[in-house]
């Protein structure tokens, strides 16, 4: 094996935070590396900088958000980009959250391909299956540094748990020792007070000399004091070590996704529905399923027909299906998107009563700050109310609140999108691949909130575990 890339004393920081400092390592041909860490820690930026800075290495880079191929779904965009990347026969492949938009079948295919890929692989991912099966070196960005671990993901997590348990146990024993030492010190101080009171009644060697008992007591007090100081210093060192070896925190912010009572009724209904997506690139006549022609055969491509669907005000459903089956387009049809042509009977809430979070966060203006996004969503709120909501969604520091959307990480954009929805609670909540760009900790507390969400909900997701956890009924479209 030979070195492809040398990274020497590399640091990454932004105006509102430092991601890591003084990172040095070597990347050898055939290495299989995963970059992991919380949202906003700099994973994607590090991957992109490796891709940009090493022109001498034959490499292909597939980003997290792909702007090309607008007519394709997220999964289809990735597959197209990956095919183009592999066609160059790169010696190094760099992928940013490659499983985000892939259905189960495509995820399995990607895993098989990556396991057999001959070159150097560097991937940013939160996907546990990919971490377990496709990499053997972990770069974890946390606490201002990049930690390197050689081995499997589960071994790494077990090592952290064991080390954390060991350090926690040491701190617990130190606490006991400190209490015991403090109790001994209190007893010595009591004895000192009694000895001094007794000395006043006795004739010692000289009035200017302390009695021998006082000297012994003072030495004992000093010894106990030094011992307490040493315990505190050791505890401080262990606490710092515990911070460095911490497991991912479970952060539980207050997602105010509640709403006023809207009663029991049907909020979405589709009877004998069909929809067609604008498709200007083709000019030939197009006919849809069951030979149903599109309203404008030269400009639209049929996707689905004979749709019968209803959702109550308290109902929740997951739309599932393969990449390109029309899941996102169906949601757009429900929302009366002008790019989708419909036929049949469609009834849905007004746009103002729908909270929609799409997989590319298009509900956020990239040139606005986090504060401005919420201020414009609910103009009646004062600064304190805006900051309180942003704080609940983990935008706490002034620098974070004033950061422009275009400079936020994928997970931060997801949180801000949810905050925007929460600022004006909807009657219908639509989530399109919400778990794609969030770390495992954020995913867990989103699950807890969505479990208790009282209004209607439509979810698009390829994450089977996530759908089970938020307890939704599945509707498979083909």
Protein backbone atom coordinates (compact mmCIF):
# COMPACT_ATOMS: atom_id res chain seq x y z
CA UNK A 1 0.00 0.00 0.00
CA UNK A 2 1.13 3.53 -0.72
CA UNK A 3 0.01 6.93 0.47
CA UNK A 4 -2.39 8.85 -1.72
CA UNK A 5 -2.85 11.90 0.50
CA UNK A 6 -1.03 13.45 3.43
CA UNK A 7 -3.01 15.77 5.68
CA UNK A 8 -0.78 17.89 7.88
CA UNK A 9 -1.94 20.12 10.75
CA UNK A 10 -5.31 20.85 9.16
CA UNK A 11 -7.88 22.97 11.04
CA UNK A 12 -11.46 23.88 10.18
CA UNK A 13 -13.41 26.74 11.68
CA UNK A 14 -16.31 29.03 10.87
CA UNK A 15 -17.17 32.47 12.28
CA UNK A 16 -19.48 30.92 14.90
CA UNK A 17 -17.55 27.76 15.78
CA UNK A 18 -14.36 25.73 15.53
CA UNK A 19 -14.93 22.23 14.15
CA UNK A 20 -11.46 20.80 14.76
CA UNK A 21 -7.81 21.81 14.96
CA UNK A 22 -4.41 20.37 14.03
CA UNK A 23 -5.62 17.24 12.24
CA UNK A 24 -2.85 15.18 10.64
CA UNK A 25 -3.09 11.78 8.98
CA UNK A 26 -2.27 9.77 5.87
CA UNK A 27 -4.70 8.20 3.43
CA UNK A 28 -3.39 5.09 1.74
CA UNK A 29 -4.63 3.33 -1.36
CA UNK A 30 -7.35 0.87 -0.41
CA UNK A 31 -8.32 2.61 2.84
CA UNK A 32 -12.02 2.49 3.63
CA UNK A 33 -12.83 5.51 5.79
CA UNK A 34 -16.07 6.80 7.27
CA UNK A 35 -16.30 10.37 8.59
CA UNK A 36 -18.83 10.52 11.43
CA UNK A 37 -19.99 13.08 13.98
CA UNK A 38 -22.88 15.37 14.87
CA UNK A 39 -24.62 17.70 12.46
CA UNK A 40 -22.61 20.81 11.69
CA UNK A 41 -19.28 19.40 12.92
CA UNK A 42 -17.63 19.79 9.50
CA UNK A 43 -17.90 16.31 7.96
CA UNK A 44 -19.11 17.41 4.53
CA UNK A 45 -16.67 20.33 4.42
CA UNK A 46 -13.73 18.04 5.25
CA UNK A 47 -14.78 15.58 2.54
CA UNK A 48 -15.20 18.35 -0.04
CA UNK A 49 -11.81 19.86 0.80
CA UNK A 50 -10.13 16.46 0.37
CA UNK A 51 -11.85 16.15 -3.01
CA UNK A 52 -10.82 19.66 -4.12
CA UNK A 53 -7.28 19.68 -2.76
CA UNK A 54 -5.93 16.54 -4.36
CA UNK A 55 -5.97 17.01 -8.11
CA UNK A 56 -3.08 14.59 -8.62
CA UNK A 57 -5.22 11.68 -7.41
CA UNK A 58 -7.80 10.16 -9.74
CA UNK A 59 -10.92 10.72 -7.66
CA UNK A 60 -14.68 11.08 -8.00
CA UNK A 61 -16.85 13.00 -5.56
CA UNK A 62 -20.63 12.68 -5.20
CA UNK A 63 -22.09 15.42 -2.95
CA UNK A 64 -24.95 15.14 -0.48
CA UNK A 65 -27.27 17.44 -2.41
CA UNK A 66 -27.26 16.96 -6.17
CA UNK A 67 -28.62 19.90 -8.17
CA UNK A 68 -28.42 18.22 -11.55
CA UNK A 69 -31.10 16.05 -13.18
CA UNK A 70 -34.07 18.10 -11.94
CA UNK A 71 -36.62 15.76 -13.49
CA UNK A 72 -35.37 12.81 -11.41
CA UNK A 73 -36.10 11.78 -7.82
CA UNK A 74 -33.43 12.09 -5.13
CA UNK A 75 -32.50 8.42 -5.41
CA UNK A 76 -32.38 8.56 -9.20
CA UNK A 77 -30.16 11.65 -9.03
CA UNK A 78 -27.71 9.84 -6.79
CA UNK A 79 -27.63 6.71 -8.95
CA UNK A 80 -27.02 8.84 -12.04
CA UNK A 81 -24.23 10.80 -10.32
CA UNK A 82 -22.65 7.63 -8.91
CA UNK A 83 -22.67 5.98 -12.36
CA UNK A 84 -20.92 9.03 -13.81
CA UNK A 85 -18.39 8.99 -10.95
CA UNK A 86 -17.58 5.30 -11.41
CA UNK A 87 -17.29 5.64 -15.19
CA UNK A 88 -14.05 7.56 -14.59
CA UNK A 89 -12.57 4.48 -12.88
CA UNK A 90 -11.36 6.55 -9.91
CA UNK A 91 -8.70 5.32 -7.51
CA UNK A 92 -10.53 7.26 -4.77
CA UNK A 93 -14.30 7.55 -4.31
CA UNK A 94 -15.76 10.20 -2.01
CA UNK A 95 -19.45 9.98 -1.10
CA UNK A 96 -21.49 12.33 1.10
CA UNK A 97 -24.49 10.59 2.74
CA UNK A 98 -24.99 8.22 -0.22
CA UNK A 99 -27.97 6.31 1.23
CA UNK A 100 -30.07 9.41 1.93
CA UNK A 101 -32.54 9.03 -0.93
CA UNK A 102 -32.21 5.34 -1.75
CA UNK A 103 -34.96 2.78 -1.34
CA UNK A 104 -34.24 -0.57 0.33
CA UNK A 105 -33.31 -2.34 -2.90
CA UNK A 106 -30.92 0.41 -3.99
CA UNK A 107 -29.35 0.55 -0.52
CA UNK A 108 -28.52 -3.14 -0.74
CA UNK A 109 -27.08 -2.68 -4.23
CA UNK A 110 -24.94 0.24 -3.07
CA UNK A 111 -23.61 -1.78 -0.12
CA UNK A 112 -22.64 -4.65 -2.41
CA UNK A 113 -20.90 -2.28 -4.81
CA UNK A 114 -18.95 -0.48 -2.08
CA UNK A 115 -17.84 -3.77 -0.50
CA UNK A 116 -16.31 -4.80 -3.81
CA UNK A 117 -14.90 -1.38 -4.78
CA UNK A 118 -11.15 -1.79 -5.28
CA UNK A 119 -9.91 1.72 -4.52
CA UNK A 120 -9.89 4.13 -1.61
CA UNK A 121 -13.31 4.92 -0.17
CA UNK A 122 -14.08 7.97 1.98
CA UNK A 123 -17.72 8.34 2.96
CA UNK A 124 -19.70 10.66 5.21
CA UNK A 125 -22.62 8.73 6.64
CA UNK A 126 -24.99 8.16 9.54
CA UNK A 127 -26.16 4.86 8.05
CA UNK A 128 -25.30 2.11 10.55
CA UNK A 129 -25.52 -0.70 8.00
CA UNK A 130 -23.06 1.05 5.72
CA UNK A 131 -20.77 1.75 8.69
CA UNK A 132 -20.86 -1.90 9.71
CA UNK A 133 -20.30 -3.41 6.27
CA UNK A 134 -18.26 -1.05 4.10
CA UNK A 135 -15.57 0.68 6.18
CA UNK A 136 -12.82 -0.25 8.64
CA UNK A 137 -11.42 3.16 9.60
CA UNK A 138 -13.46 5.82 11.43
CA UNK A 139 -12.75 9.52 11.65
CA UNK A 140 -14.97 10.96 14.33
CA UNK A 141 -15.19 14.76 14.55
CA UNK A 142 -16.08 15.77 18.08
CA UNK A 143 -14.99 18.11 20.84
CA UNK A 144 -12.76 20.17 18.54
CA UNK A 145 -10.66 17.33 17.15
CA UNK A 146 -10.70 14.37 14.77
CA UNK A 147 -10.29 11.00 16.45
CA UNK A 148 -9.12 8.07 14.30
CA UNK A 149 -10.15 4.50 15.06
CA UNK A 150 -9.02 1.45 13.09
CA UNK A 151 -11.70 -1.21 13.25
CA UNK A 152 -15.41 -1.80 12.84
CA UNK A 153 -18.08 0.64 13.95
CA UNK A 154 -19.57 -1.67 16.60
CA UNK A 155 -16.10 -2.30 18.05
CA UNK A 156 -15.54 1.45 18.20
CA UNK A 157 -18.82 2.10 20.02
CA UNK A 158 -18.13 -0.76 22.45
CA UNK A 159 -14.67 0.66 23.18
CA UNK A 160 -16.17 4.07 23.91
CA UNK A 161 -18.78 2.54 26.22
CA UNK A 162 -16.16 0.53 28.12
CA UNK A 163 -13.86 3.52 28.47
CA UNK A 164 -16.68 5.77 29.51
CA UNK A 165 -17.84 3.23 32.09
CA UNK A 166 -14.29 2.91 33.45
CA UNK A 167 -13.83 6.68 33.76
CA UNK A 168 -17.30 7.13 35.29
CA UNK A 169 -16.46 4.43 37.83
CA UNK A 170 -13.22 6.18 38.74
CA UNK A 171 -15.07 9.47 39.24
CA UNK A 172 -17.63 7.69 41.43
CA UNK A 173 -14.84 6.23 43.61
CA UNK A 174 -13.19 9.64 43.84
CA UNK A 175 -16.47 11.15 45.03
CA UNK A 176 -16.62 8.56 47.80
CA UNK A 177 -12.99 9.21 48.73
CA UNK A 178 -13.63 12.94 48.76
CA UNK A 179 -16.60 12.53 51.11
CA UNK A 180 -14.53 10.30 53.41
CA UNK A 181 -11.59 12.74 53.38
CA UNK A 182 -13.90 15.69 53.99
CA UNK A 183 -15.43 13.87 56.95
CA UNK A 184 -11.94 13.19 58.37
CA UNK A 185 -11.03 16.84 57.91
CA UNK A 186 -14.13 17.96 59.78
CA UNK A 187 -13.20 15.63 62.66
CA UNK A 188 -9.65 17.03 62.76
CA UNK A 189 -11.05 20.56 62.86
CA UNK A 190 -13.30 19.60 65.75
CA UNK A 191 -10.34 18.08 67.59
CA UNK A 192 -8.33 21.24 66.88
CA UNK A 193 -11.02 23.41 68.41
CA UNK A 194 -11.19 21.20 71.51
CA UNK A 195 -7.38 21.08 71.79
CA UNK A 196 -7.07 24.85 71.62
CA UNK A 197 -9.76 25.29 74.24
CA UNK A 198 -7.99 22.79 76.47
CA UNK A 199 -4.58 24.44 75.90
CA UNK A 200 -5.80 27.70 77.32
CA UNK A 201 -6.37 25.94 80.61
CA UNK A 202 -2.98 24.28 80.71
CA UNK A 203 0.52 25.50 81.21
CA UNK A 204 2.60 24.62 78.17
CA UNK A 205 6.29 24.98 77.44
CA UNK A 206 5.80 28.68 76.75
CA UNK A 207 2.87 30.96 76.02
CA UNK A 208 4.40 31.84 72.63
CA UNK A 209 4.62 28.18 71.49
CA UNK A 210 1.62 26.13 70.33
CA UNK A 211 1.11 22.93 72.18
CA UNK A 212 2.34 19.70 70.66
CA UNK A 213 -1.27 18.60 70.12
CA UNK A 214 -1.97 21.73 68.06
CA UNK A 215 1.05 21.10 65.87
CA UNK A 216 -0.07 17.54 65.17
CA UNK A 217 -3.59 18.72 64.44
CA UNK A 218 -2.37 21.43 62.06
CA UNK A 219 -0.29 18.86 60.19
CA UNK A 220 -3.28 16.55 59.96
CA UNK A 221 -5.47 19.38 58.61
CA UNK A 222 -2.85 20.31 56.03
CA UNK A 223 -2.52 16.67 54.96
CA UNK A 224 -6.28 16.28 54.58
CA UNK A 225 -6.50 19.59 52.69
CA UNK A 226 -3.78 18.53 50.27
CA UNK A 227 -5.56 15.24 49.77
CA UNK A 228 -8.83 17.01 48.94
CA UNK A 229 -7.00 19.25 46.46
CA UNK A 230 -5.39 16.23 44.80
CA UNK A 231 -8.78 14.52 44.54
CA UNK A 232 -10.32 17.60 42.90
CA UNK A 233 -7.47 17.86 40.43
CA UNK A 234 -7.73 14.17 39.51
CA UNK A 235 -11.50 14.45 39.18
CA UNK A 236 -11.07 17.41 36.84
CA UNK A 237 -8.70 15.40 34.63
CA UNK A 238 -11.10 12.46 34.57
CA UNK A 239 -14.04 14.73 33.78
CA UNK A 240 -12.14 16.10 30.80
CA UNK A 241 -11.36 12.55 29.70
CA UNK A 242 -15.03 11.64 30.10
CA UNK A 243 -15.99 14.56 27.85
CA UNK A 244 -13.55 13.41 25.20
CA UNK A 245 -14.85 9.83 25.28
CA UNK A 246 -18.52 10.73 25.54
CA UNK A 247 -21.20 8.85 23.71
CA UNK A 248 -23.42 10.95 21.44
CA UNK A 249 -25.70 13.11 23.56
CA UNK A 250 -29.43 12.59 23.48
CA UNK A 251 -30.69 16.12 22.99
CA UNK A 252 -34.41 16.57 23.55
CA UNK A 253 -35.52 20.07 22.50
CA UNK A 254 -39.13 21.21 22.65
CA UNK A 255 -40.62 20.84 19.20
CA UNK A 256 -43.84 22.82 19.41
CA UNK A 257 -45.62 20.85 16.70
CA UNK A 258 -49.01 21.16 18.36
CA UNK A 259 -52.06 22.98 17.00
CA UNK A 260 -55.51 24.09 17.97
CA UNK A 261 -58.26 21.49 17.89
CA UNK A 262 -59.56 21.01 14.36
CA UNK A 263 -62.12 18.30 15.07
CA UNK A 264 -62.65 14.85 13.62
CA UNK A 265 -63.15 14.88 9.85
CA UNK A 266 -61.49 13.91 6.58
CA UNK A 267 -58.75 16.38 5.72
CA UNK A 268 -57.40 14.81 2.50
CA UNK A 269 -59.38 12.73 0.01
CA UNK A 270 -58.69 11.52 -3.52
CA UNK A 271 -61.29 9.70 -5.60
CA UNK A 272 -60.39 8.11 -8.95
CA UNK A 273 -57.35 10.37 -9.12
CA UNK A 274 -54.55 10.52 -11.65
CA UNK A 275 -51.61 12.88 -11.91
CA UNK A 276 -49.07 13.84 -14.53
CA UNK A 277 -45.73 15.54 -14.18
CA UNK A 278 -44.48 18.26 -16.52
CA UNK A 279 -41.97 16.75 -18.92
CA UNK A 280 -40.95 19.22 -21.60
CA UNK A 281 -37.91 17.33 -22.88
CA UNK A 282 -40.02 14.81 -24.79
CA UNK A 283 -42.34 15.62 -27.68
CA UNK A 284 -43.78 12.24 -28.60
CA UNK A 285 -47.25 11.22 -27.56
CA UNK A 286 -47.26 9.73 -24.06
CA UNK A 287 -49.98 7.53 -22.66
CA UNK A 288 -50.21 6.52 -19.02
CA UNK A 289 -51.21 3.52 -16.98
CA UNK A 290 -54.34 1.78 -18.31
CA UNK A 291 -53.79 3.69 -21.56
CA UNK A 292 -54.93 6.99 -19.98
CA UNK A 293 -53.63 9.94 -22.06
CA UNK A 294 -52.17 13.00 -20.34
CA UNK A 295 -54.10 16.29 -20.65
CA UNK A 296 -51.31 17.63 -22.85
CA UNK A 297 -49.62 14.60 -24.34
CA UNK A 298 -46.64 16.59 -25.57
CA UNK A 299 -45.79 18.25 -22.28
CA UNK A 300 -46.67 15.81 -19.50
CA UNK A 301 -45.61 12.33 -18.43
CA UNK A 302 -48.22 10.21 -16.58
CA UNK A 303 -47.14 8.72 -13.27
CA UNK A 304 -50.09 7.22 -11.40
CA UNK A 305 -53.81 6.73 -12.00
CA UNK A 306 -56.82 5.16 -10.31
CA UNK A 307 -55.85 6.64 -6.91
CA UNK A 308 -58.28 6.31 -3.99
CA UNK A 309 -57.05 7.78 -0.72
CA UNK A 310 -58.36 9.47 2.43
CA UNK A 311 -56.77 10.83 5.60
CA UNK A 312 -58.49 12.03 8.77
CA UNK A 313 -57.47 15.04 10.83
CA UNK A 314 -55.69 12.72 13.28
CA UNK A 315 -54.45 10.19 10.73
CA UNK A 316 -50.86 9.47 9.82
CA UNK A 317 -49.62 7.60 6.80
CA UNK A 318 -46.30 6.81 5.14
CA UNK A 319 -46.11 6.77 1.36
CA UNK A 320 -43.57 4.11 0.40
CA UNK A 321 -42.30 2.78 -2.90
CA UNK A 322 -39.24 2.45 -5.10
CA UNK A 323 -37.21 5.44 -6.30
CA UNK A 324 -39.01 7.17 -9.14
CA UNK A 325 -42.42 5.65 -8.32
CA UNK A 326 -43.97 9.10 -7.82
CA UNK A 327 -44.06 9.53 -4.03
CA UNK A 328 -42.84 13.13 -3.97
CA UNK A 329 -44.94 14.04 -7.01
CA UNK A 330 -48.04 12.65 -5.29
CA UNK A 331 -47.37 14.93 -2.34
CA UNK A 332 -46.94 17.87 -4.72
CA UNK A 333 -50.29 16.98 -6.30
CA UNK A 334 -51.95 17.03 -2.86
CA UNK A 335 -50.39 20.47 -2.31
CA UNK A 336 -51.67 21.76 -5.67
CA UNK A 337 -48.19 22.28 -7.10
CA UNK A 338 -48.64 23.90 -10.55
CA UNK A 339 -46.07 21.57 -12.11
CA UNK A 340 -48.38 18.60 -11.50
CA UNK A 341 -51.54 18.11 -13.56
CA UNK A 342 -54.36 16.18 -11.87
CA UNK A 343 -57.60 14.53 -12.83
CA UNK A 344 -60.30 13.05 -10.64
CA UNK A 345 -61.60 14.43 -7.36
CA UNK A 346 -58.95 15.90 -5.06
CA UNK A 347 -59.67 17.60 -1.70
CA UNK A 348 -56.91 18.92 0.57
CA UNK A 349 -56.28 21.84 2.98
CA UNK A 350 -55.25 25.26 1.75
CA UNK A 351 -51.53 25.81 1.31
CA UNK A 352 -51.42 28.02 4.40
CA UNK A 353 -52.64 25.10 6.53
CA UNK A 354 -49.95 22.68 5.33
CA UNK A 355 -46.47 22.41 6.83
CA UNK A 356 -44.11 20.92 4.26
CA UNK A 357 -40.50 19.89 4.76
CA UNK A 358 -38.97 18.61 1.55
CA UNK A 359 -35.71 16.70 1.25
CA UNK A 360 -33.84 19.72 -0.17
CA UNK A 361 -35.14 22.32 2.36
CA UNK A 362 -36.59 24.57 -0.33
CA UNK A 363 -38.82 26.21 2.27
CA UNK A 364 -35.74 28.09 3.51
CA UNK A 365 -34.34 31.23 1.87
CA UNK A 366 -30.56 30.63 1.63
CA UNK A 367 -29.84 34.34 2.05
CA UNK A 368 -31.80 34.70 5.30
CA UNK A 369 -30.46 34.08 8.80
CA UNK A 370 -32.10 31.58 11.15
CA UNK A 371 -33.56 34.51 13.10
CA UNK A 372 -34.98 36.14 9.96
CA UNK A 373 -36.60 32.87 8.83
CA UNK A 374 -38.65 32.63 12.04
CA UNK A 375 -39.32 36.37 12.24
CA UNK A 376 -40.84 36.35 8.75
CA UNK A 377 -42.85 33.19 9.48
CA UNK A 378 -44.54 34.75 12.51
CA UNK A 379 -44.32 38.57 12.27
CA UNK A 380 -46.29 39.07 15.51
CA UNK A 381 -43.53 37.55 17.64
CA UNK A 382 -41.04 39.70 19.52
CA UNK A 383 -37.32 39.00 19.67
CA UNK A 384 -37.59 37.06 22.93
CA UNK A 385 -40.25 34.71 21.50
CA UNK A 386 -38.19 34.09 18.36
CA UNK A 387 -35.05 33.35 20.36
CA UNK A 388 -37.00 31.01 22.66
CA UNK A 389 -38.22 28.93 19.71
CA UNK A 390 -34.79 28.85 18.09
CA UNK A 391 -33.29 27.82 21.42
CA UNK A 392 -35.72 24.89 21.57
CA UNK A 393 -34.44 23.82 18.16
CA UNK A 394 -30.81 24.09 19.33
CA UNK A 395 -29.97 27.48 17.78
CA UNK A 396 -28.69 29.00 20.99
CA UNK A 397 -25.64 31.19 20.45
CA UNK A 398 -25.87 34.58 18.77
CA UNK A 399 -23.57 33.35 16.02
CA UNK A 400 -25.85 30.38 15.30
CA UNK A 401 -28.97 32.51 15.26
CA UNK A 402 -27.41 34.99 12.82
CA UNK A 403 -25.87 32.36 10.49
CA UNK A 404 -27.26 32.42 6.95
CA UNK A 405 -29.18 29.36 5.79
CA UNK A 406 -26.70 28.74 2.98
CA UNK A 407 -23.95 28.25 5.59
CA UNK A 408 -25.89 25.72 7.69
CA UNK A 409 -25.27 21.98 7.61
CA UNK A 410 -27.95 19.59 6.36
CA UNK A 411 -29.00 18.69 9.89
CA UNK A 412 -29.16 22.35 10.91
CA UNK A 413 -31.37 23.07 7.91
CA UNK A 414 -33.65 20.21 8.94
CA UNK A 415 -33.97 21.64 12.45
CA UNK A 416 -34.61 25.16 11.15
CA UNK A 417 -37.25 23.83 8.74
CA UNK A 418 -39.03 22.15 11.65
CA UNK A 419 -38.73 25.34 13.67
CA UNK A 420 -40.35 27.28 10.81
CA UNK A 421 -43.22 24.79 10.73
CA UNK A 422 -43.57 24.99 14.52
CA UNK A 423 -43.72 28.79 14.41
CA UNK A 424 -47.00 28.50 12.49
CA UNK A 425 -48.51 25.10 13.39
CA UNK A 426 -50.19 23.39 10.42
CA UNK A 427 -53.30 21.25 10.14
CA UNK A 428 -51.42 18.83 7.88
CA UNK A 429 -47.74 18.03 8.31
CA UNK A 430 -45.91 16.59 5.28
CA UNK A 431 -42.36 15.29 5.72
CA UNK A 432 -40.31 14.19 2.73
CA UNK A 433 -37.26 12.10 3.75
CA UNK A 434 -36.77 14.05 6.99
CA UNK A 435 -34.17 11.59 8.33
CA UNK A 436 -31.81 12.03 5.39
CA UNK A 437 -29.52 14.71 6.79
CA UNK A 438 -29.79 14.36 10.54
CA UNK A 439 -27.43 12.67 12.95
CA UNK A 440 -28.55 9.77 15.10
CA UNK A 441 -29.16 11.89 18.19
CA UNK A 442 -31.38 14.38 16.36
CA UNK A 443 -33.24 11.52 14.70
CA UNK A 444 -34.10 10.03 18.09
CA UNK A 445 -35.71 13.14 19.51
CA UNK A 446 -37.59 13.85 16.27
CA UNK A 447 -39.06 10.35 16.63
CA UNK A 448 -40.26 11.19 20.14
CA UNK A 449 -41.95 14.40 18.96
CA UNK A 450 -43.60 12.90 15.90
CA UNK A 451 -45.01 10.05 17.98
CA UNK A 452 -47.12 12.58 19.87
CA UNK A 453 -47.96 14.89 16.96
CA UNK A 454 -51.78 15.22 17.18
CA UNK A 455 -52.67 16.37 13.66
CA UNK A 456 -52.66 14.73 10.24
CA UNK A 457 -49.31 13.59 8.92
CA UNK A 458 -48.00 12.32 5.59
CA UNK A 459 -44.46 10.94 5.59
CA UNK A 460 -42.17 9.88 2.76
CA UNK A 461 -39.24 7.80 3.96
CA UNK A 462 -37.12 4.82 3.01
CA UNK A 463 -36.07 4.36 6.64
CA UNK A 464 -38.12 1.36 7.75
CA UNK A 465 -37.05 1.64 11.37
CA UNK A 466 -38.01 5.32 11.50
CA UNK A 467 -41.49 4.58 10.14
CA UNK A 468 -42.01 1.87 12.73
CA UNK A 469 -40.86 4.17 15.53
CA UNK A 470 -43.24 7.01 14.64
CA UNK A 471 -46.11 4.51 14.27
CA UNK A 472 -47.51 5.29 10.86
CA UNK A 473 -49.58 3.19 8.50
CA UNK A 474 -47.82 2.41 5.21
CA UNK A 475 -49.31 3.00 1.79
CA UNK A 476 -47.25 1.39 -0.97
CA UNK A 477 -47.49 2.91 -4.42
CA UNK A 478 -46.22 1.02 -7.47
